[in-house]
Amino acid sequence: MNIRTATMADLSALTAVEAACFPVAEAATEADFAARLRIYPNHFWLLEQDGEVVSFVNGMVTDEPTIRDEMYANASLHREDGAWQAIFGVNTLPDYRRRGLAGQLLTAAAEDARTAGRRGCILTCKDRLIHYYEKFGYQNQGVSQSVHGGAVWYDMTLEF
């Protein structure tokens, strides 16, 4: 398997994987991904098998210590020199889950953030996934202000 960053040529594949992983109310659209790819393609970590994207992690860089809902739809809020690597989505196609693929991508994103001199990584997750992210060193900061997709989210922080 190969880990790489994204290009605009990956737009359809990213959109399809996202749709397989998130409910419609929470999933990024093709337009969302197109805007993100125009501004921060190097903040998409893709894992391929036989040329097919089977898992990916993506998110902008920000100086804010938590993710605001506006960030999902407004790629122009990205700050390449920001303190925090936000993780918007951790996506793995259902047939490829429970193989450690998402963990490889989370680790790659964190390593890149550390190398870039960032303070750490931030994400939001549902309560059932708190323990998963804690395995990677993320700490639960409590219920998020985010109401993205009408769900209850928890802010998680991995500080270097």
C-alpha atoms as a PDB file:
ATOM      1  CA  MET A   1       0.000   0.000   0.000  1.00  0.00           C
ATOM      2  CA  ASN A   2       1.135   3.491  -0.822  1.00  0.00           C
ATOM      3  CA  ILE A   3       0.588   6.696   1.201  1.00  0.00           C
ATOM      4  CA  ARG A   4       0.687   9.954  -0.732  1.00  0.00           C
ATOM      5  CA  THR A   5      -0.834  13.420  -0.773  1.00  0.00           C
ATOM      6  CA  ALA A   6      -3.744  14.337  -3.050  1.00  0.00           C
ATOM      7  CA  THR A   7      -4.184  16.062  -6.379  1.00  0.00           C
ATOM      8  CA  MET A   8      -7.284  17.358  -8.115  1.00  0.00           C
ATOM      9  CA  ALA A   9      -7.323  14.088 -10.086  1.00  0.00           C
ATOM     10  CA  ASP A  10      -8.353  12.373  -6.825  1.00  0.00           C
ATOM     11  CA  LEU A  11     -11.543  14.436  -6.470  1.00  0.00           C
ATOM     12  CA  SER A  12     -14.021  11.741  -7.551  1.00  0.00           C
ATOM     13  CA  ALA A  13     -12.340   9.025  -5.496  1.00  0.00           C
ATOM     14  CA  LEU A  14     -12.263  11.197  -2.360  1.00  0.00           C
ATOM     15  CA  THR A  15     -15.923  12.091  -2.761  1.00  0.00           C
ATOM     16  CA  ALA A  16     -16.892   8.436  -3.203  1.00  0.00           C
ATOM     17  CA  VAL A  17     -14.919   7.253  -0.165  1.00  0.00           C
ATOM     18  CA  GLU A  18     -16.372  10.061   1.965  1.00  0.00           C
ATOM     19  CA  ALA A  19     -19.918   9.131   0.885  1.00  0.00           C
ATOM     20  CA  ALA A  20     -19.263   5.515   1.920  1.00  0.00           C
ATOM     21  CA  CYS A  21     -18.030   6.597   5.354  1.00  0.00           C
ATOM     22  CA  PHE A  22     -20.283   9.422   6.554  1.00  0.00           C
ATOM     23  CA  PRO A  23     -24.016  10.169   6.601  1.00  0.00           C
ATOM     24  CA  VAL A  24     -25.101  12.757   4.019  1.00  0.00           C
ATOM     25  CA  ALA A  25     -25.518  15.466   6.694  1.00  0.00           C
ATOM     26  CA  GLU A  26     -21.876  15.023   7.787  1.00  0.00           C
ATOM     27  CA  ALA A  27     -20.116  14.157   4.524  1.00  0.00           C
ATOM     28  CA  ALA A  28     -18.063  16.695   2.612  1.00  0.00           C
ATOM     29  CA  THR A  29     -19.341  17.283  -0.911  1.00  0.00           C
ATOM     30  CA  GLU A  30     -17.417  17.197  -4.157  1.00  0.00           C
ATOM     31  CA  ALA A  31     -17.468  21.013  -4.125  1.00  0.00           C
ATOM     32  CA  ASP A  32     -16.026  21.016  -0.569  1.00  0.00           C
ATOM     33  CA  PHE A  33     -13.212  18.704  -1.637  1.00  0.00           C
ATOM     34  CA  ALA A  34     -12.520  20.698  -4.797  1.00  0.00           C
ATOM     35  CA  ALA A  35     -12.085  23.871  -2.734  1.00  0.00           C
ATOM     36  CA  ARG A  36      -9.852  22.080  -0.231  1.00  0.00           C
ATOM     37  CA  LEU A  37      -7.720  20.530  -2.976  1.00  0.00           C
ATOM     38  CA  ARG A  38      -7.196  23.941  -4.587  1.00  0.00           C
ATOM     39  CA  ILE A  39      -5.917  25.413  -1.309  1.00  0.00           C
ATOM     40  CA  TYR A  40      -4.320  22.607   0.710  1.00  0.00           C
ATOM     41  CA  PRO A  41      -3.762  19.390  -1.290  1.00  0.00           C
ATOM     42  CA  ASN A  42      -0.710  18.536   0.824  1.00  0.00           C
ATOM     43  CA  HIS A  43      -2.989  18.164   3.844  1.00  0.00           C
ATOM     44  CA  PHE A  44      -4.698  15.111   2.381  1.00  0.00           C
ATOM     45  CA  TRP A  45      -3.048  11.800   3.193  1.00  0.00           C
ATOM     46  CA  LEU A  46      -4.274   9.001   0.916  1.00  0.00           C
ATOM     47  CA  LEU A  47      -3.665   5.304   1.149  1.00  0.00           C
ATOM     48  CA  GLU A  48      -3.984   3.351  -2.076  1.00  0.00           C
ATOM     49  CA  GLN A  49      -4.166  -0.297  -2.902  1.00  0.00           C
ATOM     50  CA  ASP A  50      -3.636  -1.275  -6.537  1.00  0.00           C
ATOM     51  CA  GLY A  51      -4.172   2.354  -7.576  1.00  0.00           C
ATOM     52  CA  GLU A  52      -7.497   2.697  -5.704  1.00  0.00           C
ATOM     53  CA  VAL A  53      -7.927   5.163  -2.823  1.00  0.00           C
ATOM     54  CA  VAL A  54      -9.158   3.010   0.065  1.00  0.00           C
ATOM     55  CA  SER A  55      -8.527   5.360   3.000  1.00  0.00           C
ATOM     56  CA  PHE A  56      -7.721   9.013   3.560  1.00  0.00           C
ATOM     57  CA  VAL A  57      -7.326  11.710   6.206  1.00  0.00           C
ATOM     58  CA  ASN A  58      -7.686  15.416   5.467  1.00  0.00           C
ATOM     59  CA  GLY A  59      -7.896  18.790   7.155  1.00  0.00           C
ATOM     60  CA  MET A  60      -6.704  22.369   7.156  1.00  0.00           C
ATOM     61  CA  VAL A  61      -4.093  24.090   9.290  1.00  0.00           C
ATOM     62  CA  THR A  62      -5.274  26.699  11.761  1.00  0.00           C
ATOM     63  CA  ASP A  63      -4.152  28.763  14.724  1.00  0.00           C
ATOM     64  CA  GLU A  64      -7.373  27.871  16.541  1.00  0.00           C
ATOM     65  CA  PRO A  65      -7.151  25.038  19.113  1.00  0.00           C
ATOM     66  CA  THR A  66     -10.542  23.572  18.135  1.00  0.00           C
ATOM     67  CA  ILE A  67     -12.459  23.027  14.917  1.00  0.00           C
ATOM     68  CA  ARG A  68     -15.326  25.395  14.105  1.00  0.00           C
ATOM     69  CA  ASP A  69     -18.123  24.252  11.802  1.00  0.00           C
ATOM     70  CA  GLU A  70     -17.301  27.066   9.371  1.00  0.00           C
ATOM     71  CA  MET A  71     -13.923  25.447   8.678  1.00  0.00           C
ATOM     72  CA  TYR A  72     -15.502  22.454   6.952  1.00  0.00           C
ATOM     73  CA  ALA A  73     -17.065  24.596   4.228  1.00  0.00           C
ATOM     74  CA  ASN A  74     -14.592  27.488   3.998  1.00  0.00           C
ATOM     75  CA  ALA A  75     -11.210  26.262   2.786  1.00  0.00           C
ATOM     76  CA  SER A  76      -9.907  29.839   2.691  1.00  0.00           C
ATOM     77  CA  LEU A  77      -9.584  29.697   6.505  1.00  0.00           C
ATOM     78  CA  HIS A  78      -6.507  27.464   6.007  1.00  0.00           C
ATOM     79  CA  ARG A  79      -3.285  28.994   7.382  1.00  0.00           C
ATOM     80  CA  GLU A  80      -0.268  27.109   6.097  1.00  0.00           C
ATOM     81  CA  ASP A  81       1.891  28.472   8.924  1.00  0.00           C
ATOM     82  CA  GLY A  82      -0.743  27.722  11.579  1.00  0.00           C
ATOM     83  CA  ALA A  83      -0.150  26.028  14.905  1.00  0.00           C
ATOM     84  CA  TRP A  84      -2.602  23.130  14.601  1.00  0.00           C
ATOM     85  CA  GLN A  85      -3.224  20.491  11.961  1.00  0.00           C
ATOM     86  CA  ALA A  86      -6.978  19.948  11.948  1.00  0.00           C
ATOM     87  CA  ILE A  87      -8.254  16.530  10.939  1.00  0.00           C
ATOM     88  CA  PHE A  88     -11.692  16.835   9.334  1.00  0.00           C
ATOM     89  CA  GLY A  89     -12.210  13.270   8.263  1.00  0.00           C
ATOM     90  CA  VAL A  90     -10.753   9.834   8.826  1.00  0.00           C
ATOM     91  CA  ASN A  91     -12.171   7.681   6.049  1.00  0.00           C
ATOM     92  CA  THR A  92     -11.692   4.013   5.224  1.00  0.00           C
ATOM     93  CA  LEU A  93     -13.848   2.029   2.837  1.00  0.00           C
ATOM     94  CA  PRO A  94     -15.866  -0.587   4.768  1.00  0.00           C
ATOM     95  CA  ASP A  95     -14.121  -3.563   3.109  1.00  0.00           C
ATOM     96  CA  TYR A  96     -10.726  -2.233   4.279  1.00  0.00           C
ATOM     97  CA  ARG A  97     -11.531  -1.433   7.916  1.00  0.00           C
ATOM     98  CA  ARG A  98      -9.880  -3.071  10.927  1.00  0.00           C
ATOM     99  CA  ARG A  99      -6.536  -3.367   9.142  1.00  0.00           C
ATOM    100  CA  GLY A 100      -4.813  -0.368  10.734  1.00  0.00           C
ATOM    101  CA  LEU A 101      -5.039   1.805   7.615  1.00  0.00           C
ATOM    102  CA  ALA A 102      -6.604   4.819   9.318  1.00  0.00           C
ATOM    103  CA  GLY A 103      -3.990   4.556  12.050  1.00  0.00           C
ATOM    104  CA  GLN A 104      -1.205   4.672   9.469  1.00  0.00           C
ATOM    105  CA  LEU A 105      -2.684   7.832   7.994  1.00  0.00           C
ATOM    106  CA  LEU A 106      -3.238   9.489  11.390  1.00  0.00           C
ATOM    107  CA  THR A 107       0.385   8.742  12.234  1.00  0.00           C
ATOM    108  CA  ALA A 108       1.590  10.150   8.889  1.00  0.00           C
ATOM    109  CA  ALA A 109      -0.451  13.337   9.390  1.00  0.00           C
ATOM    110  CA  ALA A 110       0.900  13.772  12.925  1.00  0.00           C
ATOM    111  CA  GLU A 111       4.489  13.176  11.774  1.00  0.00           C
ATOM    112  CA  ASP A 112       4.106  15.779   9.035  1.00  0.00           C
ATOM    113  CA  ALA A 113       2.583  18.253  11.517  1.00  0.00           C
ATOM    114  CA  ARG A 114       5.417  17.667  13.973  1.00  0.00           C
ATOM    115  CA  THR A 115       8.046  18.088  11.217  1.00  0.00           C
ATOM    116  CA  ALA A 116       6.361  21.360  10.189  1.00  0.00           C
ATOM    117  CA  GLY A 117       6.755  22.658  13.770  1.00  0.00           C
ATOM    118  CA  ARG A 118       3.068  22.665  14.653  1.00  0.00           C
ATOM    119  CA  ARG A 119       1.800  22.464  18.244  1.00  0.00           C
ATOM    120  CA  GLY A 120      -0.199  19.349  17.436  1.00  0.00           C
ATOM    121  CA  CYS A 121      -3.311  17.965  15.778  1.00  0.00           C
ATOM    122  CA  ILE A 122      -6.985  18.541  16.536  1.00  0.00           C
ATOM    123  CA  LEU A 123     -10.128  16.701  15.547  1.00  0.00           C
ATOM    124  CA  THR A 124     -13.705  16.131  16.579  1.00  0.00           C
ATOM    125  CA  CYS A 125     -15.290  12.716  17.013  1.00  0.00           C
ATOM    126  CA  LYS A 126     -18.375  11.012  18.339  1.00  0.00           C
ATOM    127  CA  ASP A 127     -18.295   9.537  21.838  1.00  0.00           C
ATOM    128  CA  ARG A 128     -17.959   5.958  20.550  1.00  0.00           C
ATOM    129  CA  LEU A 129     -14.604   6.859  18.926  1.00  0.00           C
ATOM    130  CA  ILE A 130     -12.962   8.709  21.828  1.00  0.00           C
ATOM    131  CA  HIS A 131     -11.104   5.583  22.948  1.00  0.00           C
ATOM    132  CA  TYR A 132      -9.853   4.974  19.395  1.00  0.00           C
ATOM    133  CA  TYR A 133      -8.204   8.388  19.121  1.00  0.00           C
ATOM    134  CA  GLU A 134      -6.844   8.145  22.663  1.00  0.00           C
ATOM    135  CA  LYS A 135      -4.755   5.176  21.425  1.00  0.00           C
ATOM    136  CA  PHE A 136      -2.897   7.678  19.223  1.00  0.00           C
ATOM    137  CA  GLY A 137      -2.295  10.103  22.096  1.00  0.00           C
ATOM    138  CA  TYR A 138      -5.285  12.395  21.581  1.00  0.00           C
ATOM    139  CA  GLN A 139      -6.865  13.770  24.746  1.00  0.00           C
ATOM    140  CA  ASN A 140     -10.580  14.378  25.148  1.00  0.00           C
ATOM    141  CA  GLN A 141     -11.291  18.071  25.718  1.00  0.00           C
ATOM    142  CA  GLY A 142     -15.029  17.534  26.241  1.00  0.00           C
ATOM    143  CA  VAL A 143     -18.129  18.260  24.205  1.00  0.00           C
ATOM    144  CA  SER A 144     -17.383  20.420  21.186  1.00  0.00           C
ATOM    145  CA  GLN A 145     -19.160  23.594  20.170  1.00  0.00           C
ATOM    146  CA  SER A 146     -19.532  21.910  16.774  1.00  0.00           C
ATOM    147  CA  VAL A 147     -23.014  20.871  15.734  1.00  0.00           C
ATOM    148  CA  HIS A 148     -21.871  19.636  12.315  1.00  0.00           C
ATOM    149  CA  GLY A 149     -24.484  17.377  10.757  1.00  0.00           C
ATOM    150  CA  GLY A 150     -26.672  17.683  13.854  1.00  0.00           C
ATOM    151  CA  ALA A 151     -24.430  15.320  15.856  1.00  0.00           C
ATOM    152  CA  VAL A 152     -22.765  15.616  19.262  1.00  0.00           C
ATOM    153  CA  TRP A 153     -18.985  15.872  18.833  1.00  0.00           C
ATOM    154  CA  TYR A 154     -16.051  15.808  21.223  1.00  0.00           C
ATOM    155  CA  ASP A 155     -12.918  17.924  20.783  1.00  0.00           C
ATOM    156  CA  MET A 156      -9.740  15.843  20.769  1.00  0.00           C
ATOM    157  CA  THR A 157      -6.195  17.250  20.933  1.00  0.00           C
ATOM    158  CA  LEU A 158      -2.821  15.665  20.265  1.00  0.00           C
ATOM    159  CA  GLU A 159      -0.234  18.087  21.604  1.00  0.00           C
ATOM    160  CA  PHE A 160       3.438  17.639  20.723  1.00  0.00           C
END
